[in-house]
Amino acid sequence: MFFSKTCEYAIRAVIFIAQKSEGGKKVGIREVAAGIDSPEHFIAKILQDLSKRQLIQSSKGPNGGFYIGDASRRHTLADIVSAVDGDKVFKGCGLGLKICSETKPCPLHNQFKEIRKKMQVALQSATIGEFNESLNLGLSYIKER
């Protein structure tokens, strides 16, 4: 895929948390890790970073955990990708070259430019809330049942 493993886990975690926290429930790291098939220590770091960036919310204490408020449901998948992987997936070279540009294109430049553009449009138009709705309706899945 185009995303780092960290980014894949981040996207899956945010969608999972959105689904589980819909009724005001807070989700712990263990539940998230089990729900998206991720190592606990790895997902803990990811969730802390996403919380600092205000893509998800967290609260401490016995009833604490991670959740997604109404404002965060309006974030797009592009917001998550940019926060975790930066904008290289939207602007970088398909071969990972630093010198690739419009004036000095790599062999994949023109084809990859179109792929990047389509992916950016798709990720910018997909909100966390919409993905959550799709899960609730059984139209999509993040884990095999």
Protein backbone atom coordinates (compact mmCIF):
# COMPACT_ATOMS: atom_id res chain seq x y z
CA MET A 1 0.00 0.00 0.00
CA PHE A 2 0.93 3.66 -0.08
CA PHE A 3 0.85 4.19 3.68
CA SER A 4 3.33 3.26 6.36
CA LYS A 5 2.30 0.51 8.78
CA THR A 6 1.95 3.19 11.46
CA CYS A 7 -0.48 5.11 9.25
CA GLU A 8 -2.51 1.99 8.46
CA TYR A 9 -2.86 1.27 12.18
CA ALA A 10 -3.74 4.92 12.87
CA ILE A 11 -6.54 4.95 10.30
CA ARG A 12 -7.95 1.65 11.53
CA ALA A 13 -7.70 2.78 15.17
CA VAL A 14 -9.48 6.07 14.56
CA ILE A 15 -12.32 4.36 12.72
CA PHE A 16 -12.56 1.68 15.43
CA ILE A 17 -12.62 4.30 18.21
CA ALA A 18 -15.25 6.33 16.34
CA GLN A 19 -17.48 3.29 16.14
CA LYS A 20 -17.01 2.24 19.76
CA SER A 21 -17.30 5.73 21.25
CA GLU A 22 -20.48 6.68 19.44
CA GLY A 23 -22.63 6.49 22.58
CA GLY A 24 -20.14 8.33 24.78
CA LYS A 25 -18.11 5.24 25.67
CA LYS A 26 -14.34 5.52 26.02
CA VAL A 27 -12.10 2.83 24.61
CA GLY A 28 -8.91 1.52 26.20
CA ILE A 29 -5.68 0.65 24.42
CA ARG A 30 -6.19 -3.09 24.89
CA GLU A 31 -9.62 -2.97 23.28
CA VAL A 32 -8.34 -0.93 20.35
CA ALA A 33 -5.35 -3.24 19.85
CA ALA A 34 -7.58 -6.33 19.89
CA GLY A 35 -10.18 -4.66 17.67
CA ILE A 36 -7.72 -3.81 14.90
CA ASP A 37 -5.19 -6.63 15.37
CA SER A 38 -2.36 -4.35 16.47
CA PRO A 39 0.40 -4.76 19.06
CA GLU A 40 -0.62 -2.86 22.22
CA HIS A 41 2.65 -0.97 22.70
CA PHE A 42 2.63 0.18 19.08
CA ILE A 43 -0.97 1.38 19.08
CA ALA A 44 -0.45 3.15 22.42
CA LYS A 45 2.19 5.42 20.88
CA ILE A 46 0.04 6.06 17.84
CA LEU A 47 -3.01 6.96 19.93
CA GLN A 48 -1.01 9.33 22.13
CA ASP A 49 0.24 11.14 19.03
CA LEU A 50 -3.23 11.33 17.49
CA SER A 51 -4.57 12.71 20.76
CA LYS A 52 -1.85 15.38 20.90
CA ARG A 53 -2.80 16.37 17.36
CA GLN A 54 -6.48 16.51 18.45
CA LEU A 55 -7.63 13.97 15.87
CA ILE A 56 -8.98 11.89 18.76
CA GLN A 57 -9.66 12.76 22.38
CA SER A 58 -8.56 11.05 25.56
CA SER A 59 -9.27 11.24 29.25
CA LYS A 60 -7.40 9.77 32.17
CA GLY A 61 -8.66 7.95 35.21
CA PRO A 62 -10.66 4.83 35.97
CA ASN A 63 -13.33 5.73 33.39
CA GLY A 64 -10.81 7.14 30.94
CA GLY A 65 -9.82 6.09 27.49
CA PHE A 66 -9.95 7.31 23.92
CA TYR A 67 -12.99 8.64 22.15
CA ILE A 68 -14.00 10.74 19.18
CA GLY A 69 -16.13 13.79 19.70
CA ASP A 70 -18.43 15.39 17.15
CA ALA A 71 -15.77 17.82 15.89
CA SER A 72 -13.27 15.01 15.31
CA ARG A 73 -15.83 13.03 13.31
CA ARG A 74 -15.53 15.75 10.67
CA HIS A 75 -11.80 15.11 10.22
CA THR A 76 -10.92 13.40 6.97
CA LEU A 77 -8.72 10.40 6.36
CA ALA A 78 -6.32 12.83 4.67
CA ASP A 79 -5.94 14.58 8.05
CA ILE A 80 -4.86 11.30 9.64
CA VAL A 81 -2.49 10.42 6.80
CA SER A 82 -0.89 13.89 6.90
CA ALA A 83 -0.50 13.73 10.68
CA VAL A 84 1.19 10.33 10.62
CA ASP A 85 3.03 10.10 7.29
CA GLY A 86 3.26 13.75 6.31
CA ASP A 87 2.38 14.86 2.82
CA LYS A 88 4.84 12.63 0.94
CA VAL A 89 2.02 10.33 -0.17
CA PHE A 90 0.34 13.35 -1.80
CA LYS A 91 3.48 15.02 -3.18
CA GLY A 92 6.33 12.51 -3.16
CA CYS A 93 7.91 10.61 -6.01
CA GLY A 94 6.52 7.15 -6.78
CA LEU A 95 10.06 5.78 -6.75
CA GLY A 96 11.10 7.74 -3.66
CA LEU A 97 13.53 9.96 -5.56
CA LYS A 98 14.33 13.40 -4.17
CA ILE A 99 15.09 14.91 -7.59
CA CYS A 100 11.81 13.97 -9.27
CA SER A 101 9.86 17.00 -10.49
CA GLU A 102 7.86 18.33 -13.42
CA THR A 103 11.10 19.43 -15.10
CA LYS A 104 13.07 16.29 -14.19
CA PRO A 105 10.48 13.50 -13.95
CA CYS A 106 11.22 9.90 -12.99
CA PRO A 107 9.88 7.13 -15.28
CA LEU A 108 6.68 6.87 -13.17
CA HIS A 109 6.17 10.60 -12.60
CA ASN A 110 3.17 11.27 -14.86
CA GLN A 111 1.30 8.08 -13.99
CA PHE A 112 1.98 8.43 -10.28
CA LYS A 113 0.92 12.09 -10.31
CA GLU A 114 -2.58 11.00 -11.40
CA ILE A 115 -2.71 8.26 -8.76
CA ARG A 116 -1.65 10.72 -6.02
CA LYS A 117 -4.29 13.22 -7.12
CA LYS A 118 -7.08 10.62 -7.08
CA MET A 119 -5.97 9.30 -3.70
CA GLN A 120 -5.83 12.79 -2.21
CA VAL A 121 -9.34 13.59 -3.46
CA ALA A 122 -10.67 10.30 -2.09
CA LEU A 123 -9.03 10.76 1.32
CA GLN A 124 -10.06 14.41 1.61
CA SER A 125 -13.67 13.58 0.89
CA ALA A 126 -13.90 10.69 3.36
CA THR A 127 -14.65 11.77 6.92
CA ILE A 128 -14.30 9.66 10.03
CA GLY A 129 -18.03 10.04 10.62
CA GLU A 130 -18.87 8.71 7.16
CA PHE A 131 -16.67 5.67 7.66
CA ASN A 132 -18.32 5.09 11.01
CA GLU A 133 -21.75 5.17 9.36
CA SER A 134 -20.60 2.69 6.75
CA LEU A 135 -19.42 0.32 9.50
CA ASN A 136 -22.66 0.68 11.43
CA LEU A 137 -24.67 -0.16 8.30
CA GLY A 138 -22.51 -3.22 7.64
CA LEU A 139 -21.32 -1.79 4.32
CA SER A 140 -17.63 -1.95 5.30
CA TYR A 141 -15.43 -3.70 7.84
CA ILE A 142 -12.13 -3.12 9.61
CA LYS A 143 -11.80 -6.61 11.01
CA GLU A 144 -12.99 -9.98 9.84
CA ARG A 145 -15.89 -11.15 11.98
